[in-house]
Amino acid sequence: MSENEKIEQAAVNDAAGAPAKPAKAEKKKDVKKKDAKPSFFDRAGKWFKEMKSELKKVVWPTGKQTLNNTVIVIVCCIVVGLCIWLFDWLAGSVISALLALFGKT
């Protein structure tokens, strides 16, 4: 409300006597009813509807993209496995050489 409207409203209320407060009380009762927590089934139904609408937005990969990504993951796993194996073999060889050097084997 603009400042002029507030002044006019106050003047009308003063001229008429008391302002109409029962209308506000009725609104408060309606607000309390709306503030009540919905039932479990209402909330579950809303959740499923929202989930369905979100899944419609998903862009699913094609079969070719899925196959390509699968091959990339397998190749990366093999490369990382080879790196770990190489480091393990190298570390084992160095430890064996050090133990042999100091006569502990």
PDB file of N, CA and C in Angstrom:
ATOM      1  N   MET A   1       0.828  -1.166   0.000  1.00  0.00           N
ATOM      2  CA  MET A   1       0.000   0.000   0.000  1.00  0.00           C
ATOM      3  C   MET A   1       0.882   1.242   0.000  1.00  0.00           C
ATOM      4  N   SER A   2       0.504   2.225  -0.771  1.00  0.00           N
ATOM      5  CA  SER A   2       1.250   3.478  -0.765  1.00  0.00           C
ATOM      6  C   SER A   2       0.926   4.255   0.500  1.00  0.00           C
ATOM      7  N   GLU A   3       1.735   5.243   0.765  1.00  0.00           N
ATOM      8  CA  GLU A   3       1.552   6.044   1.977  1.00  0.00           C
ATOM      9  C   GLU A   3       0.213   6.777   1.962  1.00  0.00           C
ATOM     10  N   ASN A   4      -0.205   7.289   0.802  1.00  0.00           N
ATOM     11  CA  ASN A   4      -1.487   7.998   0.698  1.00  0.00           C
ATOM     12  C   ASN A   4      -2.658   7.065   0.993  1.00  0.00           C
ATOM     13  N   GLU A   5      -2.572   5.840   0.496  1.00  0.00           N
ATOM     14  CA  GLU A   5      -3.656   4.878   0.740  1.00  0.00           C
ATOM     15  C   GLU A   5      -3.756   4.544   2.225  1.00  0.00           C
ATOM     16  N   LYS A   6      -2.628   4.452   2.890  1.00  0.00           N
ATOM     17  CA  LYS A   6      -2.637   4.167   4.325  1.00  0.00           C
ATOM     18  C   LYS A   6      -3.308   5.302   5.099  1.00  0.00           C
ATOM     19  N   ILE A   7      -2.999   6.539   4.703  1.00  0.00           N
ATOM     20  CA  ILE A   7      -3.596   7.701   5.374  1.00  0.00           C
ATOM     21  C   ILE A   7      -5.101   7.720   5.152  1.00  0.00           C
ATOM     22  N   GLU A   8      -5.522   7.453   3.899  1.00  0.00           N
ATOM     23  CA  GLU A   8      -6.960   7.428   3.593  1.00  0.00           C
ATOM     24  C   GLU A   8      -7.655   6.319   4.355  1.00  0.00           C
ATOM     25  N   GLN A   9      -7.015   5.158   4.441  1.00  0.00           N
ATOM     26  CA  GLN A   9      -7.591   4.017   5.170  1.00  0.00           C
ATOM     27  C   GLN A   9      -7.762   4.377   6.641  1.00  0.00           C
ATOM     28  N   ALA A  10      -6.763   5.038   7.219  1.00  0.00           N
ATOM     29  CA  ALA A  10      -6.843   5.425   8.619  1.00  0.00           C
ATOM     30  C   ALA A  10      -7.961   6.438   8.834  1.00  0.00           C
ATOM     31  N   ALA A  11      -8.123   7.355   7.888  1.00  0.00           N
ATOM     32  CA  ALA A  11      -9.178   8.372   8.014  1.00  0.00           C
ATOM     33  C   ALA A  11     -10.552   7.721   7.934  1.00  0.00           C
ATOM     34  N   VAL A  12     -10.715   6.762   7.037  1.00  0.00           N
ATOM     35  CA  VAL A  12     -11.998   6.066   6.897  1.00  0.00           C
ATOM     36  C   VAL A  12     -12.286   5.263   8.155  1.00  0.00           C
ATOM     37  N   ASN A  13     -11.289   4.617   8.693  1.00  0.00           N
ATOM     38  CA  ASN A  13     -11.469   3.824   9.912  1.00  0.00           C
ATOM     39  C   ASN A  13     -11.826   4.710  11.107  1.00  0.00           C
ATOM     40  N   ASP A  14     -11.184   5.880  11.215  1.00  0.00           N
ATOM     41  CA  ASP A  14     -11.482   6.795  12.315  1.00  0.00           C
ATOM     42  C   ASP A  14     -12.896   7.347  12.195  1.00  0.00           C
ATOM     43  N   ALA A  15     -13.312   7.655  10.952  1.00  0.00           N
ATOM     44  CA  ALA A  15     -14.643   8.215  10.732  1.00  0.00           C
ATOM     45  C   ALA A  15     -15.724   7.182  10.997  1.00  0.00           C
ATOM     46  N   ALA A  16     -15.469   5.939  10.650  1.00  0.00           N
ATOM     47  CA  ALA A  16     -16.462   4.889  10.804  1.00  0.00           C
ATOM     48  C   ALA A  16     -16.446   4.302  12.210  1.00  0.00           C
ATOM     49  N   GLY A  17     -15.462   4.619  12.968  1.00  0.00           N
ATOM     50  CA  GLY A  17     -15.365   4.045  14.311  1.00  0.00           C
ATOM     51  C   GLY A  17     -14.211   3.055  14.341  1.00  0.00           C
ATOM     52  N   ALA A  18     -14.482   1.838  14.698  1.00  0.00           N
ATOM     53  CA  ALA A  18     -13.447   0.817  14.801  1.00  0.00           C
ATOM     54  C   ALA A  18     -13.225   0.166  13.434  1.00  0.00           C
ATOM     55  N   PRO A  19     -11.992  -0.180  13.109  1.00  0.00           N
ATOM     56  CA  PRO A  19     -11.723  -0.877  11.850  1.00  0.00           C
ATOM     57  C   PRO A  19     -12.296  -2.293  11.867  1.00  0.00           C
ATOM     58  N   ALA A  20     -12.444  -2.851  10.686  1.00  0.00           N
ATOM     59  CA  ALA A  20     -13.032  -4.189  10.558  1.00  0.00           C
ATOM     60  C   ALA A  20     -11.978  -5.236  10.876  1.00  0.00           C
ATOM     61  N   LYS A  21     -11.832  -5.614  12.130  1.00  0.00           N
ATOM     62  CA  LYS A  21     -10.837  -6.606  12.543  1.00  0.00           C
ATOM     63  C   LYS A  21     -11.337  -8.046  12.448  1.00  0.00           C
ATOM     64  N   PRO A  22     -12.647  -8.319  12.479  1.00  0.00           N
ATOM     65  CA  PRO A  22     -13.060  -9.710  12.382  1.00  0.00           C
ATOM     66  C   PRO A  22     -12.611 -10.378  11.083  1.00  0.00           C
ATOM     67  N   ALA A  23     -12.443  -9.637  10.010  1.00  0.00           N
ATOM     68  CA  ALA A  23     -11.987 -10.225   8.751  1.00  0.00           C
ATOM     69  C   ALA A  23     -10.579 -10.778   8.918  1.00  0.00           C
ATOM     70  N   LYS A  24      -9.752 -10.083   9.674  1.00  0.00           N
ATOM     71  CA  LYS A  24      -8.395 -10.571   9.903  1.00  0.00           C
ATOM     72  C   LYS A  24      -8.410 -11.841  10.744  1.00  0.00           C
ATOM     73  N   ALA A  25      -9.285 -11.917  11.703  1.00  0.00           N
ATOM     74  CA  ALA A  25      -9.379 -13.104  12.548  1.00  0.00           C
ATOM     75  C   ALA A  25      -9.776 -14.317  11.719  1.00  0.00           C
ATOM     76  N   GLU A  26     -10.687 -14.124  10.770  1.00  0.00           N
ATOM     77  CA  GLU A  26     -11.093 -15.230   9.905  1.00  0.00           C
ATOM     78  C   GLU A  26      -9.933 -15.697   9.048  1.00  0.00           C
ATOM     79  N   LYS A  27      -9.136 -14.745   8.587  1.00  0.00           N
ATOM     80  CA  LYS A  27      -7.975 -15.126   7.773  1.00  0.00           C
ATOM     81  C   LYS A  27      -6.989 -15.940   8.588  1.00  0.00           C
ATOM     82  N   LYS A  28      -6.804 -15.606   9.854  1.00  0.00           N
ATOM     83  CA  LYS A  28      -5.880 -16.346  10.703  1.00  0.00           C
ATOM     84  C   LYS A  28      -6.329 -17.785  10.879  1.00  0.00           C
ATOM     85  N   LYS A  29      -7.625 -18.003  11.009  1.00  0.00           N
ATOM     86  CA  LYS A  29      -8.136 -19.364  11.143  1.00  0.00           C
ATOM     87  C   LYS A  29      -7.863 -20.164   9.877  1.00  0.00           C
ATOM     88  N   ASP A  30      -8.051 -19.516   8.696  1.00  0.00           N
ATOM     89  CA  ASP A  30      -7.784 -20.199   7.438  1.00  0.00           C
ATOM     90  C   ASP A  30      -6.306 -20.523   7.300  1.00  0.00           C
ATOM     91  N   VAL A  31      -5.457 -19.626   7.751  1.00  0.00           N
ATOM     92  CA  VAL A  31      -4.017 -19.845   7.667  1.00  0.00           C
ATOM     93  C   VAL A  31      -3.618 -21.015   8.547  1.00  0.00           C
ATOM     94  N   LYS A  32      -4.223 -21.115   9.734  1.00  0.00           N
ATOM     95  CA  LYS A  32      -3.894 -22.232  10.618  1.00  0.00           C
ATOM     96  C   LYS A  32      -4.261 -23.563   9.988  1.00  0.00           C
ATOM     97  N   LYS A  33      -5.373 -23.607   9.292  1.00  0.00           N
ATOM     98  CA  LYS A  33      -5.777 -24.853   8.640  1.00  0.00           C
ATOM     99  C   LYS A  33      -4.795 -25.196   7.521  1.00  0.00           C
ATOM    100  N   LYS A  34      -4.314 -24.185   6.798  1.00  0.00           N
ATOM    101  CA  LYS A  34      -3.375 -24.435   5.706  1.00  0.00           C
ATOM    102  C   LYS A  34      -2.002 -24.805   6.237  1.00  0.00           C
ATOM    103  N   ASP A  35      -1.656 -24.339   7.426  1.00  0.00           N
ATOM    104  CA  ASP A  35      -0.366 -24.644   8.018  1.00  0.00           C
ATOM    105  C   ASP A  35      -0.294 -26.064   8.556  1.00  0.00           C
ATOM    106  N   ALA A  36      -1.433 -26.737   8.677  1.00  0.00           N
ATOM    107  CA  ALA A  36      -1.443 -28.097   9.195  1.00  0.00           C
ATOM    108  C   ALA A  36      -0.627 -29.000   8.273  1.00  0.00           C
ATOM    109  N   LYS A  37       0.119 -29.904   8.870  1.00  0.00           N
ATOM    110  CA  LYS A  37       0.982 -30.799   8.116  1.00  0.00           C
ATOM    111  C   LYS A  37       0.138 -31.789   7.310  1.00  0.00           C
ATOM    112  N   PRO A  38       0.420 -31.927   5.990  1.00  0.00           N
ATOM    113  CA  PRO A  38      -0.348 -32.881   5.187  1.00  0.00           C
ATOM    114  C   PRO A  38      -0.078 -34.319   5.657  1.00  0.00           C
ATOM    115  N   SER A  39      -0.976 -35.200   5.315  1.00  0.00           N
ATOM    116  CA  SER A  39      -0.828 -36.585   5.749  1.00  0.00           C
ATOM    117  C   SER A  39       0.349 -37.243   5.035  1.00  0.00           C
ATOM    118  N   PHE A  40       0.741 -38.391   5.560  1.00  0.00           N
ATOM    119  CA  PHE A  40       1.856 -39.139   4.989  1.00  0.00           C
ATOM    120  C   PHE A  40       1.591 -39.491   3.528  1.00  0.00           C
ATOM    121  N   PHE A  41       0.381 -39.922   3.231  1.00  0.00           N
ATOM    122  CA  PHE A  41       0.061 -40.350   1.873  1.00  0.00           C
ATOM    123  C   PHE A  41       0.049 -39.161   0.905  1.00  0.00           C
ATOM    124  N   ASP A  42      -0.385 -38.000   1.382  1.00  0.00           N
ATOM    125  CA  ASP A  42      -0.340 -36.799   0.548  1.00  0.00           C
ATOM    126  C   ASP A  42       1.104 -36.428   0.220  1.00  0.00           C
ATOM    127  N   ARG A  43       1.959 -36.480   1.244  1.00  0.00           N
ATOM    128  CA  ARG A  43       3.361 -36.140   1.027  1.00  0.00           C
ATOM    129  C   ARG A  43       4.050 -37.165   0.128  1.00  0.00           C
ATOM    130  N   ALA A  44       3.740 -38.459   0.317  1.00  0.00           N
ATOM    131  CA  ALA A  44       4.340 -39.500  -0.513  1.00  0.00           C
ATOM    132  C   ALA A  44       3.883 -39.356  -1.967  1.00  0.00           C
ATOM    133  N   GLY A  45       2.604 -39.070  -2.168  1.00  0.00           N
ATOM    134  CA  GLY A  45       2.092 -38.878  -3.524  1.00  0.00           C
ATOM    135  C   GLY A  45       2.751 -37.691  -4.200  1.00  0.00           C
ATOM    136  N   LYS A  46       2.935 -36.613  -3.464  1.00  0.00           N
ATOM    137  CA  LYS A  46       3.592 -35.423  -4.015  1.00  0.00           C
ATOM    138  C   LYS A  46       5.038 -35.746  -4.378  1.00  0.00           C
ATOM    139  N   TRP A  47       5.713 -36.498  -3.526  1.00  0.00           N
ATOM    140  CA  TRP A  47       7.104 -36.855  -3.777  1.00  0.00           C
ATOM    141  C   TRP A  47       7.229 -37.680  -5.052  1.00  0.00           C
ATOM    142  N   PHE A  48       6.332 -38.665  -5.248  1.00  0.00           N
ATOM    143  CA  PHE A  48       6.391 -39.494  -6.452  1.00  0.00           C
ATOM    144  C   PHE A  48       6.090 -38.681  -7.707  1.00  0.00           C
ATOM    145  N   LYS A  49       5.152 -37.762  -7.626  1.00  0.00           N
ATOM    146  CA  LYS A  49       4.845 -36.907  -8.784  1.00  0.00           C
ATOM    147  C   LYS A  49       6.048 -36.054  -9.155  1.00  0.00           C
ATOM    148  N   GLU A  50       6.700 -35.467  -8.148  1.00  0.00           N
ATOM    149  CA  GLU A  50       7.871 -34.642  -8.408  1.00  0.00           C
ATOM    150  C   GLU A  50       9.016 -35.480  -8.953  1.00  0.00           C
ATOM    151  N   MET A  51       9.191 -36.702  -8.429  1.00  0.00           N
ATOM    152  CA  MET A  51      10.241 -37.578  -8.916  1.00  0.00           C
ATOM    153  C   MET A  51      10.010 -37.932 -10.382  1.00  0.00           C
ATOM    154  N   LYS A  52       8.769 -38.221 -10.730  1.00  0.00           N
ATOM    155  CA  LYS A  52       8.440 -38.569 -12.104  1.00  0.00           C
ATOM    156  C   LYS A  52       8.727 -37.400 -13.039  1.00  0.00           C
ATOM    157  N   SER A  53       8.376 -36.184 -12.620  1.00  0.00           N
ATOM    158  CA  SER A  53       8.619 -35.023 -13.474  1.00  0.00           C
ATOM    159  C   SER A  53      10.124 -34.767 -13.618  1.00  0.00           C
ATOM    160  N   GLU A  54      10.909 -35.019 -12.585  1.00  0.00           N
ATOM    161  CA  GLU A  54      12.357 -34.835 -12.677  1.00  0.00           C
ATOM    162  C   GLU A  54      12.986 -35.889 -13.584  1.00  0.00           C
ATOM    163  N   LEU A  55      12.489 -37.127 -13.528  1.00  0.00           N
ATOM    164  CA  LEU A  55      13.051 -38.175 -14.379  1.00  0.00           C
ATOM    165  C   LEU A  55      12.743 -37.929 -15.852  1.00  0.00           C
ATOM    166  N   LYS A  56      11.681 -37.217 -16.142  1.00  0.00           N
ATOM    167  CA  LYS A  56      11.379 -36.864 -17.531  1.00  0.00           C
ATOM    168  C   LYS A  56      12.392 -35.866 -18.082  1.00  0.00           C
ATOM    169  N   LYS A  57      13.043 -35.114 -17.194  1.00  0.00           N
ATOM    170  CA  LYS A  57      14.019 -34.118 -17.613  1.00  0.00           C
ATOM    171  C   LYS A  57      15.396 -34.720 -17.889  1.00  0.00           C
ATOM    172  N   VAL A  58      15.629 -35.952 -17.446  1.00  0.00           N
ATOM    173  CA  VAL A  58      16.936 -36.580 -17.581  1.00  0.00           C
ATOM    174  C   VAL A  58      17.205 -36.910 -19.046  1.00  0.00           C
ATOM    175  N   VAL A  59      18.444 -36.620 -19.477  1.00  0.00           N
ATOM    176  CA  VAL A  59      18.857 -36.973 -20.832  1.00  0.00           C
ATOM    177  C   VAL A  59      19.650 -38.270 -20.712  1.00  0.00           C
ATOM    178  N   TRP A  60      19.046 -39.371 -21.154  1.00  0.00           N
ATOM    179  CA  TRP A  60      19.678 -40.670 -21.023  1.00  0.00           C
ATOM    180  C   TRP A  60      20.677 -40.886 -22.159  1.00  0.00           C
ATOM    181  N   PRO A  61      21.833 -41.511 -21.873  1.00  0.00           N
ATOM    182  CA  PRO A  61      22.823 -41.731 -22.930  1.00  0.00           C
ATOM    183  C   PRO A  61      22.351 -42.802 -23.908  1.00  0.00           C
ATOM    184  N   THR A  62      22.874 -42.709 -25.122  1.00  0.00           N
ATOM    185  CA  THR A  62      22.544 -43.718 -26.136  1.00  0.00           C
ATOM    186  C   THR A  62      23.353 -44.974 -25.846  1.00  0.00           C
ATOM    187  N   GLY A  63      23.030 -46.043 -26.539  1.00  0.00           N
ATOM    188  CA  GLY A  63      23.769 -47.293 -26.362  1.00  0.00           C
ATOM    189  C   GLY A  63      25.228 -47.148 -26.757  1.00  0.00           C
ATOM    190  N   LYS A  64      25.481 -46.380 -27.809  1.00  0.00           N
ATOM    191  CA  LYS A  64      26.850 -46.180 -28.281  1.00  0.00           C
ATOM    192  C   LYS A  64      27.666 -45.410 -27.232  1.00  0.00           C
ATOM    193  N   GLN A  65      27.066 -44.371 -26.633  1.00  0.00           N
ATOM    194  CA  GLN A  65      27.761 -43.609 -25.595  1.00  0.00           C
ATOM    195  C   GLN A  65      28.057 -44.485 -24.381  1.00  0.00           C
ATOM    196  N   THR A  66      27.096 -45.333 -24.010  1.00  0.00           N
ATOM    197  CA  THR A  66      27.282 -46.220 -22.862  1.00  0.00           C
ATOM    198  C   THR A  66      28.416 -47.201 -23.115  1.00  0.00           C
ATOM    199  N   LEU A  67      28.451 -47.782 -24.300  1.00  0.00           N
ATOM    200  CA  LEU A  67      29.513 -48.723 -24.659  1.00  0.00           C
ATOM    201  C   LEU A  67      30.862 -48.017 -24.657  1.00  0.00           C
ATOM    202  N   ASN A  68      30.922 -46.815 -25.230  1.00  0.00           N
ATOM    203  CA  ASN A  68      32.167 -46.050 -25.278  1.00  0.00           C
ATOM    204  C   ASN A  68      32.662 -45.745 -23.867  1.00  0.00           C
ATOM    205  N   ASN A  69      31.781 -45.287 -22.997  1.00  0.00           N
ATOM    206  CA  ASN A  69      32.169 -44.975 -21.616  1.00  0.00           C
ATOM    207  C   ASN A  69      32.615 -46.220 -20.858  1.00  0.00           C
ATOM    208  N   THR A  70      31.973 -47.351 -21.114  1.00  0.00           N
ATOM    209  CA  THR A  70      32.344 -48.609 -20.461  1.00  0.00           C
ATOM    210  C   THR A  70      33.748 -49.027 -20.871  1.00  0.00           C
ATOM    211  N   VAL A  71      34.052 -48.915 -22.154  1.00  0.00           N
ATOM    212  CA  VAL A  71      35.384 -49.281 -22.652  1.00  0.00           C
ATOM    213  C   VAL A  71      36.438 -48.360 -22.033  1.00  0.00           C
ATOM    214  N   ILE A  72      36.144 -47.071 -21.934  1.00  0.00           N
ATOM    215  CA  ILE A  72      37.094 -46.127 -21.341  1.00  0.00           C
ATOM    216  C   ILE A  72      37.369 -46.487 -19.885  1.00  0.00           C
ATOM    217  N   VAL A  73      36.344 -46.839 -19.142  1.00  0.00           N
ATOM    218  CA  VAL A  73      36.517 -47.204 -17.726  1.00  0.00           C
ATOM    219  C   VAL A  73      37.357 -48.468 -17.598  1.00  0.00           C
ATOM    220  N   ILE A  74      37.109 -49.462 -18.430  1.00  0.00           N
ATOM    221  CA  ILE A  74      37.875 -50.714 -18.365  1.00  0.00           C
ATOM    222  C   ILE A  74      39.340 -50.460 -18.696  1.00  0.00           C
ATOM    223  N   VAL A  75      39.605 -49.672 -19.719  1.00  0.00           N
ATOM    224  CA  VAL A  75      40.989 -49.361 -20.102  1.00  0.00           C
ATOM    225  C   VAL A  75      41.693 -48.602 -18.975  1.00  0.00           C
ATOM    226  N   CYS A  76      41.013 -47.640 -18.378  1.00  0.00           N
ATOM    227  CA  CYS A  76      41.605 -46.888 -17.261  1.00  0.00           C
ATOM    228  C   CYS A  76      41.909 -47.803 -16.081  1.00  0.00           C
ATOM    229  N   CYS A  77      41.035 -48.739 -15.791  1.00  0.00           N
ATOM    230  CA  CYS A  77      41.278 -49.692 -14.690  1.00  0.00           C
ATOM    231  C   CYS A  77      42.502 -50.549 -14.975  1.00  0.00           C
ATOM    232  N   ILE A  78      42.656 -50.975 -16.207  1.00  0.00           N
ATOM    233  CA  ILE A  78      43.814 -51.798 -16.581  1.00  0.00           C
ATOM    234  C   ILE A  78      45.101 -50.985 -16.462  1.00  0.00           C
ATOM    235  N   VAL A  79      45.088 -49.737 -16.929  1.00  0.00           N
ATOM    236  CA  VAL A  79      46.277 -48.882 -16.852  1.00  0.00           C
ATOM    237  C   VAL A  79      46.657 -48.622 -15.397  1.00  0.00           C
ATOM    238  N   VAL A  80      45.711 -48.298 -14.563  1.00  0.00           N
ATOM    239  CA  VAL A  80      46.002 -48.048 -13.149  1.00  0.00           C
ATOM    240  C   VAL A  80      46.500 -49.327 -12.484  1.00  0.00           C
ATOM    241  N   GLY A  81      45.907 -50.458 -12.820  1.00  0.00           N
ATOM    242  CA  GLY A  81      46.362 -51.740 -12.264  1.00  0.00           C
ATOM    243  C   GLY A  81      47.796 -52.050 -12.657  1.00  0.00           C
ATOM    244  N   LEU A  82      48.155 -51.760 -13.901  1.00  0.00           N
ATOM    245  CA  LEU A  82      49.529 -51.984 -14.355  1.00  0.00           C
ATOM    246  C   LEU A  82      50.505 -51.051 -13.632  1.00  0.00           C
ATOM    247  N   CYS A  83      50.094 -49.810 -13.412  1.00  0.00           N
ATOM    248  CA  CYS A  83      50.960 -48.866 -12.685  1.00  0.00           C
ATOM    249  C   CYS A  83      51.192 -49.339 -11.250  1.00  0.00           C
ATOM    250  N   ILE A  84      50.150 -49.804 -10.600  1.00  0.00           N
ATOM    251  CA  ILE A  84      50.288 -50.306  -9.232  1.00  0.00           C
ATOM    252  C   ILE A  84      51.175 -51.556  -9.210  1.00  0.00           C
ATOM    253  N   TRP A  85      50.972 -52.444 -10.168  1.00  0.00           N
ATOM    254  CA  TRP A  85      51.782 -53.667 -10.236  1.00  0.00           C
ATOM    255  C   TRP A  85      53.249 -53.313 -10.454  1.00  0.00           C
ATOM    256  N   LEU A  86      53.518 -52.336 -11.357  1.00  0.00           N
ATOM    257  CA  LEU A  86      54.887 -51.928 -11.649  1.00  0.00           C
ATOM    258  C   LEU A  86      55.546 -51.332 -10.405  1.00  0.00           C
ATOM    259  N   PHE A  87      54.847 -50.462  -9.684  1.00  0.00           N
ATOM    260  CA  PHE A  87      55.396 -49.869  -8.466  1.00  0.00           C
ATOM    261  C   PHE A  87      55.657 -50.941  -7.412  1.00  0.00           C
ATOM    262  N   ASP A  88      54.752 -51.882  -7.263  1.00  0.00           N
ATOM    263  CA  ASP A  88      54.914 -52.953  -6.279  1.00  0.00           C
ATOM    264  C   ASP A  88      56.137 -53.799  -6.624  1.00  0.00           C
ATOM    265  N   TRP A  89      56.272 -54.140  -7.895  1.00  0.00           N
ATOM    266  CA  TRP A  89      57.418 -54.959  -8.337  1.00  0.00           C
ATOM    267  C   TRP A  89      58.724 -54.202  -8.116  1.00  0.00           C
ATOM    268  N   LEU A  90      58.727 -52.893  -8.455  1.00  0.00           N
ATOM    269  CA  LEU A  90      59.926 -52.086  -8.293  1.00  0.00           C
ATOM    270  C   LEU A  90      60.291 -51.947  -6.811  1.00  0.00           C
ATOM    271  N   ALA A  91      59.305 -51.668  -5.957  1.00  0.00           N
ATOM    272  CA  ALA A  91      59.566 -51.533  -4.524  1.00  0.00           C
ATOM    273  C   ALA A  91      60.064 -52.851  -3.938  1.00  0.00           C
ATOM    274  N   GLY A  92      59.464 -53.972  -4.364  1.00  0.00           N
ATOM    275  CA  GLY A  92      59.912 -55.286  -3.878  1.00  0.00           C
ATOM    276  C   GLY A  92      61.335 -55.579  -4.298  1.00  0.00           C
ATOM    277  N   SER A  93      61.689 -55.213  -5.530  1.00  0.00           N
ATOM    278  CA  SER A  93      63.055 -55.442  -6.017  1.00  0.00           C
ATOM    279  C   SER A  93      64.059 -54.600  -5.249  1.00  0.00           C
ATOM    280  N   VAL A  94      63.711 -53.345  -4.973  1.00  0.00           N
ATOM    281  CA  VAL A  94      64.622 -52.470  -4.229  1.00  0.00           C
ATOM    282  C   VAL A  94      64.815 -52.999  -2.812  1.00  0.00           C
ATOM    283  N   ILE A  95      63.758 -53.432  -2.166  1.00  0.00           N
ATOM    284  CA  ILE A  95      63.875 -53.964  -0.798  1.00  0.00           C
ATOM    285  C   ILE A  95      64.692 -55.250  -0.799  1.00  0.00           C
ATOM    286  N   SER A  96      64.466 -56.114  -1.767  1.00  0.00           N
ATOM    287  CA  SER A  96      65.240 -57.367  -1.859  1.00  0.00           C
ATOM    288  C   SER A  96      66.715 -57.063  -2.087  1.00  0.00           C
ATOM    289  N   ALA A  97      67.028 -56.073  -2.946  1.00  0.00           N
ATOM    290  CA  ALA A  97      68.413 -55.710  -3.211  1.00  0.00           C
ATOM    291  C   ALA A  97      69.080 -55.143  -1.960  1.00  0.00           C
ATOM    292  N   LEU A  98      68.354 -54.282  -1.222  1.00  0.00           N
ATOM    293  CA  LEU A  98      68.915 -53.731   0.007  1.00  0.00           C
ATOM    294  C   LEU A  98      69.164 -54.810   1.058  1.00  0.00           C
ATOM    295  N   LEU A  99      68.221 -55.734   1.178  1.00  0.00           N
ATOM    296  CA  LEU A  99      68.412 -56.833   2.139  1.00  0.00           C
ATOM    297  C   LEU A  99      69.574 -57.722   1.747  1.00  0.00           C
ATOM    298  N   ALA A 100      69.740 -57.977   0.435  1.00  0.00           N
ATOM    299  CA  ALA A 100      70.857 -58.793  -0.045  1.00  0.00           C
ATOM    300  C   ALA A 100      72.187 -58.052   0.194  1.00  0.00           C
ATOM    301  N   LEU A 101      72.159 -56.731   0.024  1.00  0.00           N
ATOM    302  CA  LEU A 101      73.370 -55.919   0.185  1.00  0.00           C
ATOM    303  C   LEU A 101      73.865 -55.976   1.625  1.00  0.00           C
ATOM    304  N   PHE A 102      72.959 -55.987   2.556  1.00  0.00           N
ATOM    305  CA  PHE A 102      73.343 -55.996   3.960  1.00  0.00           C
ATOM    306  C   PHE A 102      73.369 -57.410   4.540  1.00  0.00           C
ATOM    307  N   GLY A 103      73.167 -58.440   3.718  1.00  0.00           N
ATOM    308  CA  GLY A 103      73.300 -59.822   4.149  1.00  0.00           C
ATOM    309  C   GLY A 103      72.176 -60.319   5.030  1.00  0.00           C
ATOM    310  N   LYS A 104      70.968 -59.810   4.859  1.00  0.00           N
ATOM    311  CA  LYS A 104      69.838 -60.217   5.709  1.00  0.00           C
ATOM    312  C   LYS A 104      69.002 -61.317   5.050  1.00  0.00           C
ATOM    313  N   THR A 105      69.345 -61.780   3.890  1.00  0.00           N
ATOM    314  CA  THR A 105      68.511 -62.798   3.251  1.00  0.00           C
ATOM    315  C   THR A 105      69.071 -64.166   3.366  1.00  0.00           C
TER     316      THR A 105
END
